[in-house]
Amino acid sequence: KDKVDSLKKYLADALNGEKMTTSKVA
């Protein structure tokens, strides 16, 4: 769970509020 929270923060910082959609994930 801690790793999930850390990765969510990492992804949110990288996307900076922008949406991202691929064939495997949105």
mmCIF file of all heavy atoms, coordinates in Angstrom:
data_MODEL
# 
_entry.id   MODEL 
# 
loop_
_atom_site.group_PDB 
_atom_site.id 
_atom_site.type_symbol 
_atom_site.label_atom_id 
_atom_site.label_alt_id 
_atom_site.label_comp_id 
_atom_site.label_asym_id 
_atom_site.label_entity_id 
_atom_site.label_seq_id 
_atom_site.pdbx_PDB_ins_code 
_atom_site.Cartn_x 
_atom_site.Cartn_y 
_atom_site.Cartn_z 
_atom_site.occupancy 
_atom_site.B_iso_or_equiv 
_atom_site.pdbx_formal_charge 
_atom_site.auth_seq_id 
_atom_site.auth_comp_id 
_atom_site.auth_asym_id 
_atom_site.auth_atom_id 
_atom_site.pdbx_PDB_model_num 
ATOM 1   N N   . LYS A 1 1  ? 0.830   -1.205 0.000   1.00 0.00 ? 1  LYS A N   1 
ATOM 2   C CA  . LYS A 1 1  ? 0.000   0.000  0.000   1.00 0.00 ? 1  LYS A CA  1 
ATOM 3   C C   . LYS A 1 1  ? 0.864   1.254  0.000   1.00 0.00 ? 1  LYS A C   1 
ATOM 4   O O   . LYS A 1 1  ? 0.555   2.238  -0.696  1.00 0.00 ? 1  LYS A O   1 
ATOM 5   C CB  . LYS A 1 1  ? -0.940  0.010  1.203   1.00 0.00 ? 1  LYS A CB  1 
ATOM 6   C CG  . LYS A 1 1  ? -2.099  -0.958 1.065   1.00 0.00 ? 1  LYS A CG  1 
ATOM 7   C CD  . LYS A 1 1  ? -3.015  -0.916 2.273   1.00 0.00 ? 1  LYS A CD  1 
ATOM 8   C CE  . LYS A 1 1  ? -4.210  -1.825 2.097   1.00 0.00 ? 1  LYS A CE  1 
ATOM 9   N NZ  . LYS A 1 1  ? -5.113  -1.791 3.254   1.00 0.00 ? 1  LYS A NZ  1 
ATOM 10  N N   . ASP A 1 2  ? 1.940   1.255  0.783   1.00 0.00 ? 2  ASP A N   1 
ATOM 11  C CA  . ASP A 1 2  ? 2.859   2.401  0.786   1.00 0.00 ? 2  ASP A CA  1 
ATOM 12  C C   . ASP A 1 2  ? 3.490   2.600  -0.594  1.00 0.00 ? 2  ASP A C   1 
ATOM 13  O O   . ASP A 1 2  ? 3.654   3.728  -1.051  1.00 0.00 ? 2  ASP A O   1 
ATOM 14  C CB  . ASP A 1 2  ? 3.949   2.214  1.848   1.00 0.00 ? 2  ASP A CB  1 
ATOM 15  C CG  . ASP A 1 2  ? 3.427   2.325  3.268   1.00 0.00 ? 2  ASP A CG  1 
ATOM 16  O OD1 . ASP A 1 2  ? 2.273   2.777  3.459   1.00 0.00 ? 2  ASP A OD1 1 
ATOM 17  O OD2 . ASP A 1 2  ? 4.170   1.948  4.207   1.00 0.00 ? 2  ASP A OD2 1 
ATOM 18  N N   . LYS A 1 3  ? 3.831   1.483  -1.251  1.00 0.00 ? 3  LYS A N   1 
ATOM 19  C CA  . LYS A 1 3  ? 4.426   1.573  -2.585  1.00 0.00 ? 3  LYS A CA  1 
ATOM 20  C C   . LYS A 1 3  ? 3.407   2.126  -3.574  1.00 0.00 ? 3  LYS A C   1 
ATOM 21  O O   . LYS A 1 3  ? 3.745   2.944  -4.438  1.00 0.00 ? 3  LYS A O   1 
ATOM 22  C CB  . LYS A 1 3  ? 4.921   0.189  -3.032  1.00 0.00 ? 3  LYS A CB  1 
ATOM 23  C CG  . LYS A 1 3  ? 5.739   0.222  -4.290  1.00 0.00 ? 3  LYS A CG  1 
ATOM 24  C CD  . LYS A 1 3  ? 7.019   0.986  -4.064  1.00 0.00 ? 3  LYS A CD  1 
ATOM 25  C CE  . LYS A 1 3  ? 7.940   0.862  -5.252  1.00 0.00 ? 3  LYS A CE  1 
ATOM 26  N NZ  . LYS A 1 3  ? 9.167   1.619  -5.077  1.00 0.00 ? 3  LYS A NZ  1 
ATOM 27  N N   . VAL A 1 4  ? 2.141   1.697  -3.455  1.00 0.00 ? 4  VAL A N   1 
ATOM 28  C CA  . VAL A 1 4  ? 1.073   2.221  -4.319  1.00 0.00 ? 4  VAL A CA  1 
ATOM 29  C C   . VAL A 1 4  ? 0.958   3.727  -4.132  1.00 0.00 ? 4  VAL A C   1 
ATOM 30  O O   . VAL A 1 4  ? 0.895   4.487  -5.115  1.00 0.00 ? 4  VAL A O   1 
ATOM 31  C CB  . VAL A 1 4  ? -0.275  1.522  -4.023  1.00 0.00 ? 4  VAL A CB  1 
ATOM 32  C CG1 . VAL A 1 4  ? -1.436  2.288  -4.633  1.00 0.00 ? 4  VAL A CG1 1 
ATOM 33  C CG2 . VAL A 1 4  ? -0.258  0.097  -4.521  1.00 0.00 ? 4  VAL A CG2 1 
ATOM 34  N N   . ASP A 1 5  ? 0.928   4.189  -2.889  1.00 0.00 ? 5  ASP A N   1 
ATOM 35  C CA  . ASP A 1 5  ? 0.823   5.631  -2.617  1.00 0.00 ? 5  ASP A CA  1 
ATOM 36  C C   . ASP A 1 5  ? 2.015   6.384  -3.212  1.00 0.00 ? 5  ASP A C   1 
ATOM 37  O O   . ASP A 1 5  ? 1.859   7.447  -3.815  1.00 0.00 ? 5  ASP A O   1 
ATOM 38  C CB  . ASP A 1 5  ? 0.728   5.891  -1.111  1.00 0.00 ? 5  ASP A CB  1 
ATOM 39  C CG  . ASP A 1 5  ? -0.589  5.413  -0.514  1.00 0.00 ? 5  ASP A CG  1 
ATOM 40  O OD1 . ASP A 1 5  ? -1.562  5.202  -1.279  1.00 0.00 ? 5  ASP A OD1 1 
ATOM 41  O OD2 . ASP A 1 5  ? -0.640  5.236  0.722   1.00 0.00 ? 5  ASP A OD2 1 
ATOM 42  N N   . SER A 1 6  ? 3.190   5.827  -3.041  1.00 0.00 ? 6  SER A N   1 
ATOM 43  C CA  . SER A 1 6  ? 4.396   6.465  -3.569  1.00 0.00 ? 6  SER A CA  1 
ATOM 44  C C   . SER A 1 6  ? 4.354   6.534  -5.103  1.00 0.00 ? 6  SER A C   1 
ATOM 45  O O   . SER A 1 6  ? 4.668   7.576  -5.695  1.00 0.00 ? 6  SER A O   1 
ATOM 46  C CB  . SER A 1 6  ? 5.619   5.668  -3.111  1.00 0.00 ? 6  SER A CB  1 
ATOM 47  O OG  . SER A 1 6  ? 6.782   6.154  -3.717  1.00 0.00 ? 6  SER A OG  1 
ATOM 48  N N   . LEU A 1 7  ? 3.937   5.439  -5.739  1.00 0.00 ? 7  LEU A N   1 
ATOM 49  C CA  . LEU A 1 7  ? 3.878   5.426  -7.194  1.00 0.00 ? 7  LEU A CA  1 
ATOM 50  C C   . LEU A 1 7  ? 2.772   6.342  -7.723  1.00 0.00 ? 7  LEU A C   1 
ATOM 51  O O   . LEU A 1 7  ? 2.925   6.973  -8.780  1.00 0.00 ? 7  LEU A O   1 
ATOM 52  C CB  . LEU A 1 7  ? 3.682   3.996  -7.704  1.00 0.00 ? 7  LEU A CB  1 
ATOM 53  C CG  . LEU A 1 7  ? 4.906   3.084  -7.547  1.00 0.00 ? 7  LEU A CG  1 
ATOM 54  C CD1 . LEU A 1 7  ? 4.544   1.644  -7.883  1.00 0.00 ? 7  LEU A CD1 1 
ATOM 55  C CD2 . LEU A 1 7  ? 6.068   3.574  -8.395  1.00 0.00 ? 7  LEU A CD2 1 
ATOM 56  N N   . LYS A 1 8  ? 1.654   6.438  -7.006  1.00 0.00 ? 8  LYS A N   1 
ATOM 57  C CA  . LYS A 1 8  ? 0.589   7.374  -7.404  1.00 0.00 ? 8  LYS A CA  1 
ATOM 58  C C   . LYS A 1 8  ? 1.095   8.805  -7.372  1.00 0.00 ? 8  LYS A C   1 
ATOM 59  O O   . LYS A 1 8  ? 0.817   9.598  -8.289  1.00 0.00 ? 8  LYS A O   1 
ATOM 60  C CB  . LYS A 1 8  ? -0.628  7.235  -6.485  1.00 0.00 ? 8  LYS A CB  1 
ATOM 61  C CG  . LYS A 1 8  ? -1.534  6.088  -6.811  1.00 0.00 ? 8  LYS A CG  1 
ATOM 62  C CD  . LYS A 1 8  ? -2.750  6.106  -5.884  1.00 0.00 ? 8  LYS A CD  1 
ATOM 63  C CE  . LYS A 1 8  ? -3.741  5.027  -6.199  1.00 0.00 ? 8  LYS A CE  1 
ATOM 64  N NZ  . LYS A 1 8  ? -4.910  5.051  -5.296  1.00 0.00 ? 8  LYS A NZ  1 
ATOM 65  N N   . LYS A 1 9  ? 1.836   9.153  -6.331  1.00 0.00 ? 9  LYS A N   1 
ATOM 66  C CA  . LYS A 1 9  ? 2.391   10.500 -6.225  1.00 0.00 ? 9  LYS A CA  1 
ATOM 67  C C   . LYS A 1 9  ? 3.384   10.749 -7.364  1.00 0.00 ? 9  LYS A C   1 
ATOM 68  O O   . LYS A 1 9  ? 3.369   11.805 -7.999  1.00 0.00 ? 9  LYS A O   1 
ATOM 69  C CB  . LYS A 1 9  ? 3.068   10.702 -4.872  1.00 0.00 ? 9  LYS A CB  1 
ATOM 70  C CG  . LYS A 1 9  ? 3.605   12.107 -4.660  1.00 0.00 ? 9  LYS A CG  1 
ATOM 71  C CD  . LYS A 1 9  ? 4.186   12.269 -3.286  1.00 0.00 ? 9  LYS A CD  1 
ATOM 72  C CE  . LYS A 1 9  ? 4.761   13.623 -2.997  1.00 0.00 ? 9  LYS A CE  1 
ATOM 73  N NZ  . LYS A 1 9  ? 5.071   14.515 -4.079  1.00 0.00 ? 9  LYS A NZ  1 
ATOM 74  N N   . TYR A 1 10 ? 4.219   9.770  -7.629  1.00 0.00 ? 10 TYR A N   1 
ATOM 75  C CA  . TYR A 1 10 ? 5.204   9.863  -8.711  1.00 0.00 ? 10 TYR A CA  1 
ATOM 76  C C   . TYR A 1 10 ? 4.509   10.088 -10.063 1.00 0.00 ? 10 TYR A C   1 
ATOM 77  O O   . TYR A 1 10 ? 4.882   10.973 -10.836 1.00 0.00 ? 10 TYR A O   1 
ATOM 78  C CB  . TYR A 1 10 ? 6.043   8.583  -8.730  1.00 0.00 ? 10 TYR A CB  1 
ATOM 79  C CG  . TYR A 1 10 ? 7.002   8.471  -9.878  1.00 0.00 ? 10 TYR A CG  1 
ATOM 80  C CD1 . TYR A 1 10 ? 8.183   9.213  -9.909  1.00 0.00 ? 10 TYR A CD1 1 
ATOM 81  C CD2 . TYR A 1 10 ? 6.741   7.604  -10.937 1.00 0.00 ? 10 TYR A CD2 1 
ATOM 82  C CE1 . TYR A 1 10 ? 9.075   9.095  -10.968 1.00 0.00 ? 10 TYR A CE1 1 
ATOM 83  C CE2 . TYR A 1 10 ? 7.620   7.490  -11.997 1.00 0.00 ? 10 TYR A CE2 1 
ATOM 84  C CZ  . TYR A 1 10 ? 8.792   8.241  -12.006 1.00 0.00 ? 10 TYR A CZ  1 
ATOM 85  O OH  . TYR A 1 10 ? 9.666   8.126  -13.052 1.00 0.00 ? 10 TYR A OH  1 
ATOM 86  N N   . LEU A 1 11 ? 3.445   9.281  -10.312 1.00 0.00 ? 11 LEU A N   1 
ATOM 87  C CA  . LEU A 1 11 ? 2.711   9.393  -11.571 1.00 0.00 ? 11 LEU A CA  1 
ATOM 88  C C   . LEU A 1 11 ? 1.975   10.728 -11.665 1.00 0.00 ? 11 LEU A C   1 
ATOM 89  O O   . LEU A 1 11 ? 1.977   11.387 -12.711 1.00 0.00 ? 11 LEU A O   1 
ATOM 90  C CB  . LEU A 1 11 ? 1.721   8.225  -11.697 1.00 0.00 ? 11 LEU A CB  1 
ATOM 91  C CG  . LEU A 1 11 ? 0.994   8.063  -13.021 1.00 0.00 ? 11 LEU A CG  1 
ATOM 92  C CD1 . LEU A 1 11 ? 1.975   7.867  -14.176 1.00 0.00 ? 11 LEU A CD1 1 
ATOM 93  C CD2 . LEU A 1 11 ? 0.027   6.895  -12.943 1.00 0.00 ? 11 LEU A CD2 1 
ATOM 94  N N   . ALA A 1 12 ? 1.363   11.153 -10.569 1.00 0.00 ? 12 ALA A N   1 
ATOM 95  C CA  . ALA A 1 12 ? 0.643   12.431 -10.557 1.00 0.00 ? 12 ALA A CA  1 
ATOM 96  C C   . ALA A 1 12 ? 1.596   13.583 -10.812 1.00 0.00 ? 12 ALA A C   1 
ATOM 97  O O   . ALA A 1 12 ? 1.270   14.525 -11.562 1.00 0.00 ? 12 ALA A O   1 
ATOM 98  C CB  . ALA A 1 12 ? -0.076  12.611 -9.220  1.00 0.00 ? 12 ALA A CB  1 
ATOM 99  N N   . ASP A 1 13 ? 2.769   13.536 -10.197 1.00 0.00 ? 13 ASP A N   1 
ATOM 100 C CA  . ASP A 1 13 ? 3.766   14.597 -10.421 1.00 0.00 ? 13 ASP A CA  1 
ATOM 101 C C   . ASP A 1 13 ? 4.220   14.603 -11.879 1.00 0.00 ? 13 ASP A C   1 
ATOM 102 O O   . ASP A 1 13 ? 4.401   15.670 -12.483 1.00 0.00 ? 13 ASP A O   1 
ATOM 103 C CB  . ASP A 1 13 ? 4.973   14.414 -9.493  1.00 0.00 ? 13 ASP A CB  1 
ATOM 104 C CG  . ASP A 1 13 ? 4.658   14.726 -8.045  1.00 0.00 ? 13 ASP A CG  1 
ATOM 105 O OD1 . ASP A 1 13 ? 3.603   15.333 -7.765  1.00 0.00 ? 13 ASP A OD1 1 
ATOM 106 O OD2 . ASP A 1 13 ? 5.469   14.344 -7.166  1.00 0.00 ? 13 ASP A OD2 1 
ATOM 107 N N   . ALA A 1 14 ? 4.400   13.417 -12.447 1.00 0.00 ? 14 ALA A N   1 
ATOM 108 C CA  . ALA A 1 14 ? 4.869   13.322 -13.833 1.00 0.00 ? 14 ALA A CA  1 
ATOM 109 C C   . ALA A 1 14 ? 3.808   13.799 -14.821 1.00 0.00 ? 14 ALA A C   1 
ATOM 110 O O   . ALA A 1 14 ? 4.122   14.470 -15.812 1.00 0.00 ? 14 ALA A O   1 
ATOM 111 C CB  . ALA A 1 14 ? 5.276   11.890 -14.152 1.00 0.00 ? 14 ALA A CB  1 
ATOM 112 N N   . LEU A 1 15 ? 2.528   13.468 -14.554 1.00 0.00 ? 15 LEU A N   1 
ATOM 113 C CA  . LEU A 1 15 ? 1.459   13.864 -15.473 1.00 0.00 ? 15 LEU A CA  1 
ATOM 114 C C   . LEU A 1 15 ? 1.013   15.305 -15.258 1.00 0.00 ? 15 LEU A C   1 
ATOM 115 O O   . LEU A 1 15 ? 0.449   15.916 -16.169 1.00 0.00 ? 15 LEU A O   1 
ATOM 116 C CB  . LEU A 1 15 ? 0.260   12.917 -15.334 1.00 0.00 ? 15 LEU A CB  1 
ATOM 117 C CG  . LEU A 1 15 ? 0.460   11.506 -15.864 1.00 0.00 ? 15 LEU A CG  1 
ATOM 118 C CD1 . LEU A 1 15 ? -0.735  10.626 -15.526 1.00 0.00 ? 15 LEU A CD1 1 
ATOM 119 C CD2 . LEU A 1 15 ? 0.685   11.534 -17.374 1.00 0.00 ? 15 LEU A CD2 1 
ATOM 120 N N   . ASN A 1 16 ? 1.227   15.840 -14.068 1.00 0.00 ? 16 ASN A N   1 
ATOM 121 C CA  . ASN A 1 16 ? 0.905   17.222 -13.751 1.00 0.00 ? 16 ASN A CA  1 
ATOM 122 C C   . ASN A 1 16 ? -0.551  17.564 -14.091 1.00 0.00 ? 16 ASN A C   1 
ATOM 123 O O   . ASN A 1 16 ? -0.837  18.586 -14.708 1.00 0.00 ? 16 ASN A O   1 
ATOM 124 C CB  . ASN A 1 16 ? 1.883   18.168 -14.456 1.00 0.00 ? 16 ASN A CB  1 
ATOM 125 C CG  . ASN A 1 16 ? 1.875   19.549 -13.829 1.00 0.00 ? 16 ASN A CG  1 
ATOM 126 O OD1 . ASN A 1 16 ? 1.533   19.701 -12.659 1.00 0.00 ? 16 ASN A OD1 1 
ATOM 127 N ND2 . ASN A 1 16 ? 2.241   20.550 -14.611 1.00 0.00 ? 16 ASN A ND2 1 
ATOM 128 N N   . GLY A 1 17 ? -1.480  16.667 -13.772 1.00 0.00 ? 17 GLY A N   1 
ATOM 129 C CA  . GLY A 1 17 ? -2.900  16.933 -13.978 1.00 0.00 ? 17 GLY A CA  1 
ATOM 130 C C   . GLY A 1 17 ? -3.432  16.564 -15.351 1.00 0.00 ? 17 GLY A C   1 
ATOM 131 O O   . GLY A 1 17 ? -4.620  16.699 -15.615 1.00 0.00 ? 17 GLY A O   1 
ATOM 132 N N   . GLU A 1 18 ? -2.587  16.107 -16.263 1.00 0.00 ? 18 GLU A N   1 
ATOM 133 C CA  . GLU A 1 18 ? -3.028  15.750 -17.608 1.00 0.00 ? 18 GLU A CA  1 
ATOM 134 C C   . GLU A 1 18 ? -3.526  14.305 -17.634 1.00 0.00 ? 18 GLU A C   1 
ATOM 135 O O   . GLU A 1 18 ? -2.995  13.438 -16.948 1.00 0.00 ? 18 GLU A O   1 
ATOM 136 C CB  . GLU A 1 18 ? -1.857  15.871 -18.599 1.00 0.00 ? 18 GLU A CB  1 
ATOM 137 C CG  . GLU A 1 18 ? -1.338  17.281 -18.773 1.00 0.00 ? 18 GLU A CG  1 
ATOM 138 C CD  . GLU A 1 18 ? -0.146  17.328 -19.722 1.00 0.00 ? 18 GLU A CD  1 
ATOM 139 O OE1 . GLU A 1 18 ? -0.043  16.442 -20.605 1.00 0.00 ? 18 GLU A OE1 1 
ATOM 140 O OE2 . GLU A 1 18 ? 0.675   18.236 -19.578 1.00 0.00 ? 18 GLU A OE2 1 
ATOM 141 N N   . LYS A 1 19 ? -4.536  14.041 -18.482 1.00 0.00 ? 19 LYS A N   1 
ATOM 142 C CA  . LYS A 1 19 ? -5.027  12.686 -18.661 1.00 0.00 ? 19 LYS A CA  1 
ATOM 143 C C   . LYS A 1 19 ? -4.046  11.895 -19.512 1.00 0.00 ? 19 LYS A C   1 
ATOM 144 O O   . LYS A 1 19 ? -3.338  12.448 -20.343 1.00 0.00 ? 19 LYS A O   1 
ATOM 145 C CB  . LYS A 1 19 ? -6.386  12.684 -19.356 1.00 0.00 ? 19 LYS A CB  1 
ATOM 146 C CG  . LYS A 1 19 ? -7.508  13.223 -18.534 1.00 0.00 ? 19 LYS A CG  1 
ATOM 147 C CD  . LYS A 1 19 ? -8.816  13.119 -19.312 1.00 0.00 ? 19 LYS A CD  1 
ATOM 148 C CE  . LYS A 1 19 ? -9.967  13.657 -18.502 1.00 0.00 ? 19 LYS A CE  1 
ATOM 149 N NZ  . LYS A 1 19 ? -11.237 13.550 -19.244 1.00 0.00 ? 19 LYS A NZ  1 
ATOM 150 N N   . MET A 1 20 ? -4.074  10.559 -19.298 1.00 0.00 ? 20 MET A N   1 
ATOM 151 C CA  . MET A 1 20 ? -3.252  9.686  -20.127 1.00 0.00 ? 20 MET A CA  1 
ATOM 152 C C   . MET A 1 20 ? -4.064  8.431  -20.413 1.00 0.00 ? 20 MET A C   1 
ATOM 153 O O   . MET A 1 20 ? -4.653  7.847  -19.507 1.00 0.00 ? 20 MET A O   1 
ATOM 154 C CB  . MET A 1 20 ? -1.968  9.302  -19.393 1.00 0.00 ? 20 MET A CB  1 
ATOM 155 C CG  . MET A 1 20 ? -1.067  8.388  -20.196 1.00 0.00 ? 20 MET A CG  1 
ATOM 156 S SD  . MET A 1 20 ? 0.276   7.707  -19.226 1.00 0.00 ? 20 MET A SD  1 
ATOM 157 C CE  . MET A 1 20 ? -0.417  6.147  -18.753 1.00 0.00 ? 20 MET A CE  1 
ATOM 158 N N   . THR A 1 21 ? -4.135  8.034  -21.677 1.00 0.00 ? 21 THR A N   1 
ATOM 159 C CA  . THR A 1 21 ? -4.882  6.839  -22.042 1.00 0.00 ? 21 THR A CA  1 
ATOM 160 C C   . THR A 1 21 ? -4.068  6.019  -23.022 1.00 0.00 ? 21 THR A C   1 
ATOM 161 O O   . THR A 1 21 ? -3.539  6.555  -23.999 1.00 0.00 ? 21 THR A O   1 
ATOM 162 C CB  . THR A 1 21 ? -6.231  7.218  -22.693 1.00 0.00 ? 21 THR A CB  1 
ATOM 163 O OG1 . THR A 1 21 ? -6.951  8.079  -21.804 1.00 0.00 ? 21 THR A OG1 1 
ATOM 164 C CG2 . THR A 1 21 ? -7.066  5.991  -22.982 1.00 0.00 ? 21 THR A CG2 1 
ATOM 165 N N   . THR A 1 22 ? -3.966  4.723  -22.727 1.00 0.00 ? 22 THR A N   1 
ATOM 166 C CA  . THR A 1 22 ? -3.342  3.780  -23.656 1.00 0.00 ? 22 THR A CA  1 
ATOM 167 C C   . THR A 1 22 ? -4.312  2.621  -23.812 1.00 0.00 ? 22 THR A C   1 
ATOM 168 O O   . THR A 1 22 ? -5.392  2.612  -23.226 1.00 0.00 ? 22 THR A O   1 
ATOM 169 C CB  . THR A 1 22 ? -1.986  3.252  -23.114 1.00 0.00 ? 22 THR A CB  1 
ATOM 170 O OG1 . THR A 1 22 ? -2.226  2.413  -21.996 1.00 0.00 ? 22 THR A OG1 1 
ATOM 171 C CG2 . THR A 1 22 ? -1.049  4.383  -22.737 1.00 0.00 ? 22 THR A CG2 1 
ATOM 172 N N   . SER A 1 23 ? -3.921  1.621  -24.574 1.00 0.00 ? 23 SER A N   1 
ATOM 173 C CA  . SER A 1 23 ? -4.797  0.462  -24.757 1.00 0.00 ? 23 SER A CA  1 
ATOM 174 C C   . SER A 1 23 ? -4.907  -0.381 -23.485 1.00 0.00 ? 23 SER A C   1 
ATOM 175 O O   . SER A 1 23 ? -5.852  -1.150 -23.325 1.00 0.00 ? 23 SER A O   1 
ATOM 176 C CB  . SER A 1 23 ? -4.294  -0.405 -25.910 1.00 0.00 ? 23 SER A CB  1 
ATOM 177 O OG  . SER A 1 23 ? -2.992  -0.888 -25.598 1.00 0.00 ? 23 SER A OG  1 
ATOM 178 N N   . LYS A 1 24 ? -3.987  -0.221 -22.557 1.00 0.00 ? 24 LYS A N   1 
ATOM 179 C CA  . LYS A 1 24 ? -3.982  -1.037 -21.345 1.00 0.00 ? 24 LYS A CA  1 
ATOM 180 C C   . LYS A 1 24 ? -4.390  -0.287 -20.086 1.00 0.00 ? 24 LYS A C   1 
ATOM 181 O O   . LYS A 1 24 ? -4.766  -0.901 -19.095 1.00 0.00 ? 24 LYS A O   1 
ATOM 182 C CB  . LYS A 1 24 ? -2.589  -1.622 -21.119 1.00 0.00 ? 24 LYS A CB  1 
ATOM 183 C CG  . LYS A 1 24 ? -2.165  -2.591 -22.187 1.00 0.00 ? 24 LYS A CG  1 
ATOM 184 C CD  . LYS A 1 24 ? -0.801  -3.153 -21.880 1.00 0.00 ? 24 LYS A CD  1 
ATOM 185 C CE  . LYS A 1 24 ? -0.376  -4.119 -22.974 1.00 0.00 ? 24 LYS A CE  1 
ATOM 186 N NZ  . LYS A 1 24 ? 0.934   -4.690 -22.698 1.00 0.00 ? 24 LYS A NZ  1 
ATOM 187 N N   . VAL A 1 25 ? -4.330  1.038  -20.103 1.00 0.00 ? 25 VAL A N   1 
ATOM 188 C CA  . VAL A 1 25 ? -4.591  1.801  -18.889 1.00 0.00 ? 25 VAL A CA  1 
ATOM 189 C C   . VAL A 1 25 ? -5.095  3.199  -19.220 1.00 0.00 ? 25 VAL A C   1 
ATOM 190 O O   . VAL A 1 25 ? -4.780  3.744  -20.282 1.00 0.00 ? 25 VAL A O   1 
ATOM 191 C CB  . VAL A 1 25 ? -3.314  1.879  -17.998 1.00 0.00 ? 25 VAL A CB  1 
ATOM 192 C CG1 . VAL A 1 25 ? -2.242  2.725  -18.647 1.00 0.00 ? 25 VAL A CG1 1 
ATOM 193 C CG2 . VAL A 1 25 ? -3.618  2.371  -16.611 1.00 0.00 ? 25 VAL A CG2 1 
ATOM 194 N N   . ALA A 1 26 ? -5.899  3.729  -18.312 1.00 0.00 ? 26 ALA A N   1 
ATOM 195 C CA  . ALA A 1 26 ? -6.364  5.109  -18.448 1.00 0.00 ? 26 ALA A CA  1 
ATOM 196 C C   . ALA A 1 26 ? -6.132  5.798  -17.108 1.00 0.00 ? 26 ALA A C   1 
ATOM 197 O O   . ALA A 1 26 ? -6.493  5.280  -16.051 1.00 0.00 ? 26 ALA A O   1 
ATOM 198 C CB  . ALA A 1 26 ? -7.834  5.148  -18.815 1.00 0.00 ? 26 ALA A CB  1 
# 
